[in-house]
Amino acid sequence: MSKRLPRVVLTAPVSRLPEELLAGRARVRVLRHRKPLTEERLASALRSADGALTYLSDPVTAKVLEGCPRLKVVANHAVGVNNIDLAAARARGVVVTYTPGVLTEATADLTWALILGTARRAAEGDRMVRRGKFHGWAADLLLGMDLRGKTLGVVGLGRIGQAVARRAPAFGLKVVYAQRSRADGCVEAALGTVRLPLDDLVRTADVLTLHCPLTEETRGLMGRERLFAMKPGALFVNASRGGLHDEAALVEALAAGHLGGAGLDVFENEPALSPGLVGLDNVLLLPHAGSATHETRAAMARMALSDLLAVLEGREPEHPVPAG
């Protein structure tokens, strides 16, 4: 009798699916949909699955897990896992893995695209040209911010935060950072950075960029009070998680002219946008594209599926989500 192959569900197509990795090792079903999956549809799709490759938009809640008795592993195609109820997964013996490290450089590059695009008002210029409103050079046309000599404030000096900070000297920026615990002294020395309390960093930075995970502790970290405590004309960038900022307050700070601009790759209630955000000229909006390169997404898929298969074959995965 032939050995039963485990059932694996990919909740959306992945870039460059590594067919050779899966051949003869699993029966694979790929879901295709235009709107984010609901708990009900996700539970239905995973009901008979042994393993699942999921995305940040998939609500892997306790309710979903309860309806999936065969599930042994959830491989999240992301570095964040705030879409998964980790306590519920642990209680049911479901292993959760993620994709750390592989998307660091791509996300840092996109963060700098947001910083540069916001500082030099690139989106405004693009819209002006496309709408036929560029009538020739003018001395006061779309004046932006020089980055040289300014201070970059990095909130969260993990892998991505460090990669963002490494790029700062090329643009003449001083770097300061804030996080719960101090970074290793060697890291600080290599980056030429110093740690500040968050509220001091908020008042100091000319450009503030978020690179911390979304937890109950960090949700709403940049609320109205902190946004309005930023320097007049400062730039706010978030390529991490939308729940870290109060989007209505951000709209208020931008509309009032307190902030010089914002670059967002993520949104508080993604994919929905807060009222007034789209109508602002001084904000650059991207569709959660931090890791969106062919190379990075292919590497993420391979990492996630390798860990998923490891669990299903009785081996330890290389990238389990750390306990606690």
Protein backbone atom coordinates (compact mmCIF):
# COMPACT_ATOMS: atom_id res chain seq x y z
CA MET A 1 0.00 0.00 0.00
CA SER A 2 1.41 3.40 -0.96
CA LYS A 3 2.13 5.88 1.78
CA ARG A 4 -0.50 8.57 2.28
CA LEU A 5 0.83 11.99 1.30
CA PRO A 6 -0.04 14.84 3.67
CA ARG A 7 -2.52 17.47 2.53
CA VAL A 8 -1.05 20.96 2.26
CA VAL A 9 -3.06 24.12 1.56
CA LEU A 10 -1.49 27.32 0.27
CA THR A 11 -3.95 30.08 1.07
CA ALA A 12 -2.83 32.03 -2.01
CA PRO A 13 -0.44 31.43 -4.92
CA VAL A 14 3.24 31.94 -4.12
CA SER A 15 5.91 33.39 -6.37
CA ARG A 16 7.80 30.69 -8.24
CA LEU A 17 6.28 27.73 -6.41
CA PRO A 18 9.17 25.27 -5.90
CA GLU A 19 7.45 22.26 -7.45
CA GLU A 20 10.57 20.13 -7.09
CA LEU A 21 10.48 20.66 -3.33
CA LEU A 22 6.94 19.32 -3.10
CA ALA A 23 7.10 16.54 -5.65
CA GLY A 24 6.10 13.22 -4.10
CA ARG A 25 5.98 14.73 -0.60
CA ALA A 26 2.55 16.37 -0.36
CA ARG A 27 -0.79 16.85 -2.05
CA VAL A 28 -1.09 20.58 -2.60
CA ARG A 29 -4.14 22.77 -2.96
CA VAL A 30 -3.74 26.46 -3.80
CA LEU A 31 -6.58 28.84 -2.97
CA ARG A 32 -7.33 31.68 -5.37
CA HIS A 33 -9.38 34.65 -4.22
CA ARG A 34 -9.57 38.42 -4.63
CA LYS A 35 -10.68 39.43 -1.14
CA PRO A 36 -9.02 38.51 2.18
CA LEU A 37 -10.20 35.18 3.55
CA THR A 38 -12.75 35.22 6.35
CA GLU A 39 -12.42 32.96 9.39
CA GLU A 40 -15.22 30.80 8.01
CA ARG A 41 -13.67 30.31 4.57
CA LEU A 42 -10.21 29.73 5.99
CA ALA A 43 -11.50 27.13 8.45
CA SER A 44 -13.38 25.39 5.66
CA ALA A 45 -10.32 25.34 3.41
CA LEU A 46 -8.06 23.94 6.16
CA ARG A 47 -10.52 21.46 7.68
CA SER A 48 -8.78 18.39 6.27
CA ALA A 49 -5.29 19.90 5.88
CA ASP A 50 -2.20 18.58 7.63
CA GLY A 51 -0.24 21.75 6.92
CA ALA A 52 -0.92 25.28 5.74
CA LEU A 53 1.13 28.05 4.20
CA THR A 54 -0.53 31.31 5.26
CA TYR A 55 -0.14 35.05 4.78
CA LEU A 56 -0.49 38.10 7.04
CA SER A 57 -4.01 38.69 5.77
CA ASP A 58 -5.16 35.23 6.91
CA PRO A 59 -6.91 35.23 10.31
CA VAL A 60 -5.54 32.05 11.89
CA THR A 61 -7.62 32.47 15.02
CA ALA A 62 -8.54 30.07 17.80
CA LYS A 63 -11.89 29.54 16.05
CA VAL A 64 -10.15 28.56 12.81
CA LEU A 65 -7.72 26.23 14.59
CA GLU A 66 -10.56 24.50 16.47
CA GLY A 67 -12.11 23.58 13.14
CA CYS A 68 -8.90 22.02 11.77
CA PRO A 69 -8.24 18.86 13.81
CA ARG A 70 -5.61 17.44 11.43
CA LEU A 71 -3.50 20.58 11.26
CA LYS A 72 0.08 20.10 12.47
CA VAL A 73 1.89 23.15 11.12
CA VAL A 74 1.18 26.69 9.97
CA ALA A 75 4.02 28.18 7.94
CA ASN A 76 3.48 31.93 7.78
CA HIS A 77 4.84 33.51 4.59
CA ALA A 78 5.99 36.60 6.53
CA VAL A 79 8.35 37.78 9.23
CA GLY A 80 5.41 38.88 11.38
CA VAL A 81 2.88 36.52 12.95
CA ASN A 82 0.29 38.90 14.40
CA ASN A 83 -2.36 37.22 12.22
CA ILE A 84 -1.99 33.97 14.18
CA ASP A 85 -3.28 33.15 17.66
CA LEU A 86 0.00 31.67 18.90
CA ALA A 87 -1.40 30.63 22.28
CA ALA A 88 -4.23 28.71 20.61
CA ALA A 89 -1.77 27.07 18.22
CA ARG A 90 0.50 25.98 21.07
CA ALA A 91 -2.47 24.62 23.01
CA ARG A 92 -3.42 22.44 20.05
CA GLY A 93 0.17 21.36 19.35
CA VAL A 94 0.30 23.22 16.04
CA VAL A 95 3.82 24.34 15.11
CA VAL A 96 4.06 27.88 13.71
CA THR A 97 6.98 28.95 11.53
CA TYR A 98 7.89 32.24 9.86
CA THR A 99 10.41 33.71 7.39
CA PRO A 100 12.93 35.88 9.26
CA GLY A 101 15.98 37.40 7.61
CA VAL A 102 15.16 36.59 4.00
CA LEU A 103 13.13 39.77 3.41
CA THR A 104 15.37 42.16 5.37
CA GLU A 105 17.19 43.85 2.51
CA ALA A 106 14.16 44.16 0.23
CA THR A 107 12.10 45.77 3.00
CA ALA A 108 14.94 48.11 3.94
CA ASP A 109 15.25 49.16 0.28
CA LEU A 110 11.53 49.89 0.11
CA THR A 111 11.73 51.88 3.35
CA TRP A 112 14.32 54.09 1.71
CA ALA A 113 12.09 54.41 -1.35
CA LEU A 114 9.42 55.79 1.02
CA ILE A 115 11.90 58.10 2.77
CA LEU A 116 13.34 59.49 -0.45
CA GLY A 117 9.99 59.65 -2.21
CA THR A 118 8.44 61.54 0.69
CA ALA A 119 11.39 63.87 1.24
CA ARG A 120 11.49 64.82 -2.46
CA ARG A 121 7.70 64.72 -3.03
CA ALA A 122 8.04 62.15 -5.80
CA ALA A 123 4.41 61.03 -5.81
CA GLU A 124 3.20 64.63 -6.08
CA GLY A 125 5.55 65.24 -8.98
CA ASP A 126 4.43 62.07 -10.74
CA ARG A 127 0.77 63.07 -10.41
CA MET A 128 1.52 66.58 -11.63
CA VAL A 129 3.23 65.34 -14.79
CA ARG A 130 0.60 62.69 -15.55
CA ARG A 131 -2.24 65.23 -15.17
CA GLY A 132 -0.63 67.68 -17.55
CA LYS A 133 -0.02 70.24 -14.83
CA PHE A 134 3.74 70.53 -15.30
CA HIS A 135 4.23 73.77 -17.21
CA GLY A 136 8.00 74.04 -16.95
CA TRP A 137 10.71 74.56 -14.38
CA ALA A 138 10.10 77.02 -11.55
CA ALA A 139 12.30 78.01 -8.61
CA ASP A 140 9.63 77.16 -6.05
CA LEU A 141 8.28 73.98 -7.67
CA LEU A 142 7.84 71.02 -5.28
CA LEU A 143 10.49 72.02 -2.77
CA GLY A 144 11.32 69.10 -0.50
CA MET A 145 13.66 68.23 2.36
CA ASP A 146 17.44 67.80 2.16
CA LEU A 147 18.34 64.67 4.12
CA ARG A 148 22.00 65.50 4.59
CA GLY A 149 22.67 66.70 8.13
CA LYS A 150 19.29 65.51 9.40
CA THR A 151 18.47 62.86 12.03
CA LEU A 152 16.86 59.52 11.23
CA GLY A 153 14.96 57.98 14.13
CA VAL A 154 14.57 54.20 13.88
CA VAL A 155 11.97 52.64 16.16
CA GLY A 156 13.00 49.00 16.48
CA LEU A 157 16.61 48.06 15.71
CA GLY A 158 16.06 44.47 14.66
CA ARG A 159 17.20 43.00 11.35
CA ILE A 160 15.23 45.42 9.17
CA GLY A 161 15.84 48.44 11.40
CA GLN A 162 19.58 47.77 11.27
CA ALA A 163 19.50 47.39 7.49
CA VAL A 164 17.70 50.73 7.19
CA ALA A 165 20.22 52.37 9.52
CA ARG A 166 23.17 50.93 7.53
CA ARG A 167 22.00 52.85 4.47
CA ALA A 168 21.69 56.20 6.29
CA PRO A 169 25.34 57.38 6.04
CA ALA A 170 25.11 57.35 2.24
CA PHE A 171 22.53 60.13 2.57
CA GLY A 172 24.37 62.03 5.30
CA LEU A 173 21.93 61.21 8.09
CA LYS A 174 22.72 60.75 11.78
CA VAL A 175 20.90 57.74 13.26
CA VAL A 176 19.27 57.37 16.66
CA TYR A 177 17.07 54.47 17.72
CA ALA A 178 14.51 53.46 20.31
CA GLN A 179 13.50 50.03 21.52
CA ARG A 180 12.69 48.28 24.78
CA SER A 181 16.22 46.99 25.37
CA ARG A 182 19.56 48.34 24.26
CA ALA A 183 21.12 46.82 21.15
CA ASP A 184 24.47 45.07 21.37
CA GLY A 185 27.32 47.56 21.72
CA CYS A 186 28.96 46.18 18.56
CA VAL A 187 25.78 46.88 16.61
CA GLU A 188 25.60 50.42 17.96
CA ALA A 189 29.24 51.03 17.10
CA ALA A 190 28.92 49.60 13.58
CA LEU A 191 25.88 51.77 12.87
CA GLY A 192 27.16 54.84 14.68
CA THR A 193 23.90 55.09 16.55
CA VAL A 194 22.75 55.76 20.12
CA ARG A 195 19.60 54.67 21.94
CA LEU A 196 17.07 57.26 23.10
CA PRO A 197 13.82 56.91 25.04
CA LEU A 198 11.00 56.79 22.48
CA ASP A 199 9.53 60.15 23.43
CA ASP A 200 12.95 61.80 23.12
CA LEU A 201 13.47 60.18 19.72
CA VAL A 202 10.05 61.41 18.57
CA ARG A 203 11.03 64.98 19.40
CA THR A 204 14.52 64.62 17.89
CA ALA A 205 14.02 62.89 14.54
CA ASP A 206 13.61 64.72 11.24
CA VAL A 207 12.59 61.39 9.71
CA LEU A 208 10.97 58.71 11.88
CA THR A 209 10.63 55.14 10.61
CA LEU A 210 8.94 52.19 12.36
CA HIS A 211 10.43 48.69 12.35
CA CYS A 212 8.97 46.89 15.36
CA PRO A 213 6.53 43.98 15.58
CA LEU A 214 2.84 44.55 16.22
CA THR A 215 1.93 43.34 19.71
CA GLU A 216 -0.60 44.44 22.30
CA GLU A 217 2.19 46.56 23.77
CA THR A 218 3.07 48.31 20.51
CA ARG A 219 -0.41 48.71 19.02
CA GLY A 220 -1.07 52.43 18.56
CA LEU A 221 2.54 53.21 19.53
CA MET A 222 2.47 56.37 17.41
CA GLY A 223 -0.76 57.91 18.61
CA ARG A 224 -1.94 61.50 18.34
CA GLU A 225 0.19 62.80 21.19
CA ARG A 226 3.42 61.40 19.78
CA LEU A 227 2.61 62.37 16.19
CA PHE A 228 2.07 65.98 17.23
CA ALA A 229 5.20 65.85 19.40
CA MET A 230 7.28 65.28 16.28
CA LYS A 231 9.21 68.22 14.85
CA PRO A 232 7.16 70.53 12.64
CA GLY A 233 7.86 69.45 9.06
CA ALA A 234 9.23 66.03 10.07
CA LEU A 235 8.56 62.94 7.95
CA PHE A 236 6.82 59.79 9.21
CA VAL A 237 7.42 56.40 7.57
CA ASN A 238 5.86 53.02 8.33
CA ALA A 239 6.80 49.90 6.37
CA SER A 240 6.27 47.60 9.35
CA ARG A 241 2.69 47.13 10.58
CA GLY A 242 -0.23 49.53 10.18
CA GLY A 243 -1.48 48.93 13.70
CA LEU A 244 1.57 50.73 15.07
CA HIS A 245 0.16 54.13 14.15
CA ASP A 246 -3.15 55.92 14.73
CA GLU A 247 -4.12 56.61 11.14
CA ALA A 248 -6.86 59.15 11.88
CA ALA A 249 -4.40 61.15 13.98
CA LEU A 250 -1.80 60.86 11.22
CA VAL A 251 -4.30 62.28 8.71
CA GLU A 252 -4.93 65.13 11.13
CA ALA A 253 -1.21 65.87 11.57
CA LEU A 254 -0.63 65.82 7.81
CA ALA A 255 -3.70 67.89 6.94
CA ALA A 256 -2.78 70.50 9.55
CA GLY A 257 0.68 70.83 8.04
CA HIS A 258 2.36 69.77 11.29
CA LEU A 259 4.13 66.92 9.54
CA GLY A 260 5.93 67.54 6.27
CA GLY A 261 4.88 64.20 4.83
CA ALA A 262 4.40 60.49 5.36
CA GLY A 263 5.32 57.33 3.49
CA LEU A 264 3.14 54.30 4.23
CA ASP A 265 3.42 50.74 3.00
CA VAL A 266 0.98 49.48 5.64
CA PHE A 267 -2.32 50.71 7.04
CA GLU A 268 -4.12 50.51 10.37
CA ASN A 269 -7.15 48.63 9.02
CA GLU A 270 -5.59 47.20 5.89
CA PRO A 271 -6.68 47.14 3.13
CA ALA A 272 -9.13 49.87 4.15
CA LEU A 273 -7.76 53.41 4.40
CA SER A 274 -8.73 56.02 6.97
CA PRO A 275 -11.01 58.80 5.69
CA GLY A 276 -9.04 61.70 4.26
CA LEU A 277 -5.81 59.80 3.67
CA VAL A 278 -6.15 59.41 -0.10
CA GLY A 279 -6.93 63.10 -0.59
CA LEU A 280 -3.66 64.28 0.97
CA ASP A 281 -0.88 65.35 -1.37
CA ASN A 282 1.86 64.99 1.26
CA VAL A 283 1.59 61.23 1.67
CA LEU A 284 3.08 58.42 -0.41
CA LEU A 285 0.98 55.25 -0.30
CA LEU A 286 2.18 51.76 -1.31
CA PRO A 287 0.23 48.45 -1.20
CA HIS A 288 2.19 46.50 1.46
CA ALA A 289 5.01 45.80 -0.99
CA GLY A 290 7.98 45.67 1.38
CA SER A 291 9.16 42.21 0.34
CA ALA A 292 7.76 42.37 -3.19
CA THR A 293 10.70 41.38 -5.35
CA HIS A 294 10.78 38.20 -7.43
CA GLU A 295 13.88 36.99 -5.61
CA THR A 296 12.66 37.69 -2.09
CA ARG A 297 9.18 36.24 -2.50
CA ALA A 298 10.62 33.08 -4.07
CA ALA A 299 13.05 32.70 -1.15
CA MET A 300 10.23 33.23 1.35
CA ALA A 301 8.11 30.54 -0.31
CA ARG A 302 10.99 28.06 -0.28
CA MET A 303 11.76 28.77 3.38
CA ALA A 304 8.13 28.46 4.46
CA LEU A 305 7.51 25.24 2.54
CA SER A 306 10.79 23.67 3.70
CA ASP A 307 9.78 24.26 7.32
CA LEU A 308 6.24 23.02 6.67
CA LEU A 309 7.51 19.78 5.13
CA ALA A 310 10.02 19.31 7.94
CA VAL A 311 7.24 19.27 10.52
CA LEU A 312 5.04 16.95 8.45
CA GLU A 313 7.99 14.56 8.04
CA GLY A 314 8.80 14.52 11.74
CA ARG A 315 11.80 16.85 11.68
CA GLU A 316 12.46 20.12 13.47
CA PRO A 317 11.79 23.22 11.35
CA GLU A 318 14.63 25.71 10.96
CA HIS A 319 12.49 28.79 11.62
CA PRO A 320 9.94 28.16 14.39
CA VAL A 321 8.37 31.24 15.95
CA PRO A 322 10.23 31.81 19.24
CA ALA A 323 8.27 31.01 22.39
CA GLY A 324 6.97 34.04 24.25
